[in-house]
């Protein structure tokens, strides 16, 4: 006897993912967009003032370690 509470389409998305070789399904598109956004952020130039502040911080750290 067939289970009446079971959704006949419940496994359709899983079967499509298995056939396409994409384990994340719709989340793959979200992941791709996030990676693209992250790559763009990483490749942006650091503003000069921020780079100066980082340099000052790096110079101050060894002085603190000696104390």
PDB file of N, CA and C in Angstrom:
ATOM      1  N   UNK A   1       0.832  -1.182   0.000  1.00  0.00           N
ATOM      2  CA  UNK A   1       0.000   0.000   0.000  1.00  0.00           C
ATOM      3  C   UNK A   1       0.873   1.239   0.000  1.00  0.00           C
ATOM      4  N   UNK A   2       0.508   2.206  -0.780  1.00  0.00           N
ATOM      5  CA  UNK A   2       1.288   3.425  -0.947  1.00  0.00           C
ATOM      6  C   UNK A   2       1.046   4.367   0.235  1.00  0.00           C
ATOM      7  N   UNK A   3       2.136   5.059   0.675  1.00  0.00           N
ATOM      8  CA  UNK A   3       2.036   6.012   1.783  1.00  0.00           C
ATOM      9  C   UNK A   3       1.352   7.279   1.282  1.00  0.00           C
ATOM     10  N   UNK A   4       0.187   7.601   1.835  1.00  0.00           N
ATOM     11  CA  UNK A   4      -0.602   8.749   1.381  1.00  0.00           C
ATOM     12  C   UNK A   4      -0.025  10.078   1.851  1.00  0.00           C
ATOM     13  N   UNK A   5       0.787  10.082   2.905  1.00  0.00           N
ATOM     14  CA  UNK A   5       1.357  11.323   3.430  1.00  0.00           C
ATOM     15  C   UNK A   5       2.621  11.750   2.697  1.00  0.00           C
ATOM     16  N   UNK A   6       3.127  10.892   1.864  1.00  0.00           N
ATOM     17  CA  UNK A   6       4.374  11.178   1.171  1.00  0.00           C
ATOM     18  C   UNK A   6       4.128  12.094  -0.021  1.00  0.00           C
ATOM     19  N   UNK A   7       4.926  13.145  -0.138  1.00  0.00           N
ATOM     20  CA  UNK A   7       4.816  14.095  -1.242  1.00  0.00           C
ATOM     21  C   UNK A   7       5.439  13.463  -2.481  1.00  0.00           C
ATOM     22  N   UNK A   8       4.702  13.346  -3.583  1.00  0.00           N
ATOM     23  CA  UNK A   8       5.255  12.693  -4.773  1.00  0.00           C
ATOM     24  C   UNK A   8       6.400  13.475  -5.410  1.00  0.00           C
ATOM     25  N   UNK A   9       6.490  14.768  -5.124  1.00  0.00           N
ATOM     26  CA  UNK A   9       7.552  15.581  -5.704  1.00  0.00           C
ATOM     27  C   UNK A   9       8.720  15.796  -4.746  1.00  0.00           C
ATOM     28  N   UNK A  10       8.653  15.206  -3.564  1.00  0.00           N
ATOM     29  CA  UNK A  10       9.662  15.445  -2.528  1.00  0.00           C
ATOM     30  C   UNK A  10      11.071  15.099  -2.999  1.00  0.00           C
ATOM     31  N   UNK A  11      11.237  14.041  -3.726  1.00  0.00           N
ATOM     32  CA  UNK A  11      12.564  13.629  -4.146  1.00  0.00           C
ATOM     33  C   UNK A  11      12.981  14.162  -5.504  1.00  0.00           C
ATOM     34  N   UNK A  12      12.133  14.924  -6.170  1.00  0.00           N
ATOM     35  CA  UNK A  12      12.444  15.400  -7.519  1.00  0.00           C
ATOM     36  C   UNK A  12      13.676  16.294  -7.538  1.00  0.00           C
ATOM     37  N   UNK A  13      13.767  17.209  -6.584  1.00  0.00           N
ATOM     38  CA  UNK A  13      14.925  18.111  -6.536  1.00  0.00           C
ATOM     39  C   UNK A  13      16.196  17.325  -6.256  1.00  0.00           C
ATOM     40  N   UNK A  14      16.106  16.340  -5.369  1.00  0.00           N
ATOM     41  CA  UNK A  14      17.273  15.513  -5.069  1.00  0.00           C
ATOM     42  C   UNK A  14      17.727  14.736  -6.300  1.00  0.00           C
ATOM     43  N   UNK A  15      16.772  14.218  -7.057  1.00  0.00           N
ATOM     44  CA  UNK A  15      17.132  13.474  -8.269  1.00  0.00           C
ATOM     45  C   UNK A  15      17.779  14.392  -9.300  1.00  0.00           C
ATOM     46  N   UNK A  16      17.252  15.618  -9.457  1.00  0.00           N
ATOM     47  CA  UNK A  16      17.845  16.562 -10.418  1.00  0.00           C
ATOM     48  C   UNK A  16      19.274  16.901 -10.014  1.00  0.00           C
ATOM     49  N   UNK A  17      19.501  17.132  -8.707  1.00  0.00           N
ATOM     50  CA  UNK A  17      20.845  17.448  -8.232  1.00  0.00           C
ATOM     51  C   UNK A  17      21.784  16.281  -8.487  1.00  0.00           C
ATOM     52  N   UNK A  18      21.333  15.087  -8.235  1.00  0.00           N
ATOM     53  CA  UNK A  18      22.172  13.907  -8.433  1.00  0.00           C
ATOM     54  C   UNK A  18      22.513  13.736  -9.907  1.00  0.00           C
ATOM     55  N   UNK A  19      21.552  14.002 -10.776  1.00  0.00           N
ATOM     56  CA  UNK A  19      21.794  13.857 -12.202  1.00  0.00           C
ATOM     57  C   UNK A  19      22.683  14.962 -12.752  1.00  0.00           C
ATOM     58  N   UNK A  20      22.611  16.150 -12.187  1.00  0.00           N
ATOM     59  CA  UNK A  20      23.396  17.261 -12.711  1.00  0.00           C
ATOM     60  C   UNK A  20      24.817  17.273 -12.167  1.00  0.00           C
ATOM     61  N   UNK A  21      25.080  16.479 -11.119  1.00  0.00           N
ATOM     62  CA  UNK A  21      26.408  16.469 -10.529  1.00  0.00           C
ATOM     63  C   UNK A  21      26.645  17.670  -9.629  1.00  0.00           C
ATOM     64  N   UNK A  22      25.613  18.417  -9.296  1.00  0.00           N
ATOM     65  CA  UNK A  22      25.716  19.609  -8.463  1.00  0.00           C
ATOM     66  C   UNK A  22      25.109  19.309  -7.096  1.00  0.00           C
ATOM     67  N   UNK A  23      25.937  19.016  -6.088  1.00  0.00           N
ATOM     68  CA  UNK A  23      25.390  18.618  -4.791  1.00  0.00           C
ATOM     69  C   UNK A  23      24.690  19.754  -4.041  1.00  0.00           C
ATOM     70  N   UNK A  24      24.961  21.003  -4.381  1.00  0.00           N
ATOM     71  CA  UNK A  24      24.355  22.119  -3.657  1.00  0.00           C
ATOM     72  C   UNK A  24      23.077  22.637  -4.291  1.00  0.00           C
ATOM     73  N   UNK A  25      22.787  22.244  -5.497  1.00  0.00           N
ATOM     74  CA  UNK A  25      21.562  22.684  -6.165  1.00  0.00           C
ATOM     75  C   UNK A  25      21.490  24.191  -6.294  1.00  0.00           C
ATOM     76  N   UNK A  26      20.374  24.771  -5.844  1.00  0.00           N
ATOM     77  CA  UNK A  26      20.159  26.221  -5.954  1.00  0.00           C
ATOM     78  C   UNK A  26      21.186  27.005  -5.146  1.00  0.00           C
ATOM     79  N   UNK A  27      21.737  26.401  -4.112  1.00  0.00           N
ATOM     80  CA  UNK A  27      22.743  27.095  -3.302  1.00  0.00           C
ATOM     81  C   UNK A  27      24.043  27.322  -4.061  1.00  0.00           C
ATOM     82  N   UNK A  28      24.262  26.586  -5.127  1.00  0.00           N
ATOM     83  CA  UNK A  28      25.470  26.772  -5.932  1.00  0.00           C
ATOM     84  C   UNK A  28      25.509  28.168  -6.532  1.00  0.00           C
ATOM     85  N   UNK A  29      24.375  28.648  -6.978  1.00  0.00           N
ATOM     86  CA  UNK A  29      24.311  29.994  -7.556  1.00  0.00           C
ATOM     87  C   UNK A  29      24.625  31.045  -6.494  1.00  0.00           C
ATOM     88  N   UNK A  30      24.094  30.857  -5.303  1.00  0.00           N
ATOM     89  CA  UNK A  30      24.378  31.791  -4.207  1.00  0.00           C
ATOM     90  C   UNK A  30      25.872  31.758  -3.883  1.00  0.00           C
ATOM     91  N   UNK A  31      26.428  30.574  -3.794  1.00  0.00           N
ATOM     92  CA  UNK A  31      27.857  30.436  -3.509  1.00  0.00           C
ATOM     93  C   UNK A  31      28.719  31.067  -4.585  1.00  0.00           C
ATOM     94  N   UNK A  32      28.309  30.888  -5.842  1.00  0.00           N
ATOM     95  CA  UNK A  32      29.070  31.476  -6.946  1.00  0.00           C
ATOM     96  C   UNK A  32      29.062  33.003  -6.859  1.00  0.00           C
ATOM     97  N   UNK A  33      27.897  33.576  -6.561  1.00  0.00           N
ATOM     98  CA  UNK A  33      27.782  35.031  -6.445  1.00  0.00           C
ATOM     99  C   UNK A  33      28.604  35.549  -5.259  1.00  0.00           C
ATOM    100  N   UNK A  34      28.560  34.848  -4.131  1.00  0.00           N
ATOM    101  CA  UNK A  34      29.346  35.261  -2.969  1.00  0.00           C
ATOM    102  C   UNK A  34      30.840  35.206  -3.264  1.00  0.00           C
ATOM    103  N   UNK A  35      31.283  34.149  -3.950  1.00  0.00           N
ATOM    104  CA  UNK A  35      32.704  34.041  -4.305  1.00  0.00           C
ATOM    105  C   UNK A  35      33.102  35.171  -5.237  1.00  0.00           C
ATOM    106  N   UNK A  36      32.253  35.489  -6.209  1.00  0.00           N
ATOM    107  CA  UNK A  36      32.533  36.576  -7.132  1.00  0.00           C
ATOM    108  C   UNK A  36      32.661  37.904  -6.378  1.00  0.00           C
ATOM    109  N   UNK A  37      31.742  38.151  -5.448  1.00  0.00           N
ATOM    110  CA  UNK A  37      31.770  39.374  -4.652  1.00  0.00           C
ATOM    111  C   UNK A  37      33.039  39.432  -3.806  1.00  0.00           C
ATOM    112  N   UNK A  38      33.388  38.319  -3.161  1.00  0.00           N
ATOM    113  CA  UNK A  38      34.594  38.260  -2.327  1.00  0.00           C
ATOM    114  C   UNK A  38      35.840  38.514  -3.170  1.00  0.00           C
ATOM    115  N   UNK A  39      35.923  37.882  -4.333  1.00  0.00           N
ATOM    116  CA  UNK A  39      37.082  38.071  -5.207  1.00  0.00           C
ATOM    117  C   UNK A  39      37.237  39.532  -5.619  1.00  0.00           C
ATOM    118  N   UNK A  40      36.113  40.207  -5.863  1.00  0.00           N
ATOM    119  CA  UNK A  40      36.168  41.624  -6.221  1.00  0.00           C
ATOM    120  C   UNK A  40      36.665  42.466  -5.044  1.00  0.00           C
ATOM    121  N   UNK A  41      36.216  42.128  -3.833  1.00  0.00           N
ATOM    122  CA  UNK A  41      36.651  42.862  -2.642  1.00  0.00           C
ATOM    123  C   UNK A  41      38.144  42.688  -2.402  1.00  0.00           C
ATOM    124  N   UNK A  42      38.625  41.468  -2.550  1.00  0.00           N
ATOM    125  CA  UNK A  42      40.028  41.170  -2.297  1.00  0.00           C
ATOM    126  C   UNK A  42      40.931  41.871  -3.311  1.00  0.00           C
ATOM    127  N   UNK A  43      40.446  42.021  -4.527  1.00  0.00           N
ATOM    128  CA  UNK A  43      41.277  42.612  -5.567  1.00  0.00           C
ATOM    129  C   UNK A  43      41.269  44.148  -5.543  1.00  0.00           C
ATOM    130  N   UNK A  44      40.384  44.746  -4.727  1.00  0.00           N
ATOM    131  CA  UNK A  44      40.359  46.212  -4.624  1.00  0.00           C
ATOM    132  C   UNK A  44      41.640  46.726  -3.990  1.00  0.00           C
ATOM    133  N   UNK A  45      42.058  47.908  -4.402  1.00  0.00           N
ATOM    134  CA  UNK A  45      43.237  48.542  -3.818  1.00  0.00           C
ATOM    135  C   UNK A  45      42.917  49.066  -2.427  1.00  0.00           C
ATOM    136  N   UNK A  46      43.922  49.019  -1.561  1.00  0.00           N
ATOM    137  CA  UNK A  46      43.769  49.544  -0.207  1.00  0.00           C
ATOM    138  C   UNK A  46      44.018  51.056  -0.277  1.00  0.00           C
ATOM    139  N   UNK A  47      43.120  51.861   0.309  1.00  0.00           N
ATOM    140  CA  UNK A  47      43.336  53.313   0.314  1.00  0.00           C
ATOM    141  C   UNK A  47      44.664  53.670   0.988  1.00  0.00           C
ATOM    142  N   UNK A  48      45.311  54.721   0.496  1.00  0.00           N
ATOM    143  CA  UNK A  48      46.624  55.123   1.007  1.00  0.00           C
ATOM    144  C   UNK A  48      46.620  55.347   2.517  1.00  0.00           C
ATOM    145  N   UNK A  49      45.612  56.007   3.020  1.00  0.00           N
ATOM    146  CA  UNK A  49      45.561  56.305   4.461  1.00  0.00           C
ATOM    147  C   UNK A  49      45.477  55.014   5.272  1.00  0.00           C
ATOM    148  N   UNK A  50      44.735  54.078   4.809  1.00  0.00           N
ATOM    149  CA  UNK A  50      44.614  52.806   5.509  1.00  0.00           C
ATOM    150  C   UNK A  50      45.946  52.057   5.478  1.00  0.00           C
ATOM    151  N   UNK A  51      46.635  52.074   4.337  1.00  0.00           N
ATOM    152  CA  UNK A  51      47.940  51.425   4.219  1.00  0.00           C
ATOM    153  C   UNK A  51      48.946  52.074   5.164  1.00  0.00           C
ATOM    154  N   UNK A  52      48.885  53.405   5.316  1.00  0.00           N
ATOM    155  CA  UNK A  52      49.779  54.106   6.238  1.00  0.00           C
ATOM    156  C   UNK A  52      49.511  53.679   7.680  1.00  0.00           C
ATOM    157  N   UNK A  53      48.247  53.584   8.033  1.00  0.00           N
ATOM    158  CA  UNK A  53      47.891  53.163   9.387  1.00  0.00           C
ATOM    159  C   UNK A  53      48.363  51.732   9.670  1.00  0.00           C
ATOM    160  N   UNK A  54      48.227  50.849   8.694  1.00  0.00           N
ATOM    161  CA  UNK A  54      48.703  49.475   8.861  1.00  0.00           C
ATOM    162  C   UNK A  54      50.218  49.442   9.044  1.00  0.00           C
ATOM    163  N   UNK A  55      50.922  50.265   8.292  1.00  0.00           N
ATOM    164  CA  UNK A  55      52.374  50.343   8.412  1.00  0.00           C
ATOM    165  C   UNK A  55      52.776  50.826   9.803  1.00  0.00           C
ATOM    166  N   UNK A  56      52.100  51.842  10.293  1.00  0.00           N
ATOM    167  CA  UNK A  56      52.390  52.350  11.633  1.00  0.00           C
ATOM    168  C   UNK A  56      52.124  51.282  12.697  1.00  0.00           C
ATOM    169  N   UNK A  57      51.055  50.537  12.529  1.00  0.00           N
ATOM    170  CA  UNK A  57      50.724  49.465  13.463  1.00  0.00           C
ATOM    171  C   UNK A  57      51.802  48.383  13.447  1.00  0.00           C
ATOM    172  N   UNK A  58      52.250  47.991  12.266  1.00  0.00           N
ATOM    173  CA  UNK A  58      53.291  46.969  12.148  1.00  0.00           C
ATOM    174  C   UNK A  58      54.585  47.429  12.807  1.00  0.00           C
ATOM    175  N   UNK A  59      54.923  48.714  12.711  1.00  0.00           N
ATOM    176  CA  UNK A  59      56.133  49.238  13.333  1.00  0.00           C
ATOM    177  C   UNK A  59      56.001  49.305  14.842  1.00  0.00           C
ATOM    178  N   UNK A  60      54.789  49.552  15.333  1.00  0.00           N
ATOM    179  CA  UNK A  60      54.556  49.666  16.769  1.00  0.00           C
ATOM    180  C   UNK A  60      54.547  48.290  17.453  1.00  0.00           C
ATOM    181  N   UNK A  61      54.155  47.253  16.769  1.00  0.00           N
ATOM    182  CA  UNK A  61      54.073  45.920  17.377  1.00  0.00           C
ATOM    183  C   UNK A  61      55.414  45.389  17.862  1.00  0.00           C
ATOM    184  N   UNK A  62      56.500  45.464  17.083  1.00  0.00           N
ATOM    185  CA  UNK A  62      57.789  44.972  17.593  1.00  0.00           C
ATOM    186  C   UNK A  62      58.258  45.765  18.821  1.00  0.00           C
ATOM    187  N   UNK A  63      57.965  47.035  18.855  1.00  0.00           N
ATOM    188  CA  UNK A  63      58.348  47.859  20.005  1.00  0.00           C
ATOM    189  C   UNK A  63      57.621  47.402  21.260  1.00  0.00           C
ATOM    190  N   UNK A  64      56.374  47.006  21.124  1.00  0.00           N
ATOM    191  CA  UNK A  64      55.596  46.524  22.273  1.00  0.00           C
ATOM    192  C   UNK A  64      56.094  45.168  22.750  1.00  0.00           C
ATOM    193  N   UNK A  65      56.545  44.327  21.842  1.00  0.00           N
ATOM    194  CA  UNK A  65      57.029  42.995  22.201  1.00  0.00           C
ATOM    195  C   UNK A  65      58.332  43.073  22.993  1.00  0.00           C
ATOM    196  N   UNK A  66      59.143  44.093  22.716  1.00  0.00           N
ATOM    197  CA  UNK A  66      60.412  44.257  23.407  1.00  0.00           C
ATOM    198  C   UNK A  66      60.210  44.694  24.839  1.00  0.00           C
ATOM    199  N   UNK A  67      59.130  45.404  25.129  1.00  0.00           N
ATOM    200  CA  UNK A  67      58.879  45.927  26.484  1.00  0.00           C
ATOM    201  C   UNK A  67      58.435  44.891  27.459  1.00  0.00           C
TER     202      UNK A  67
END
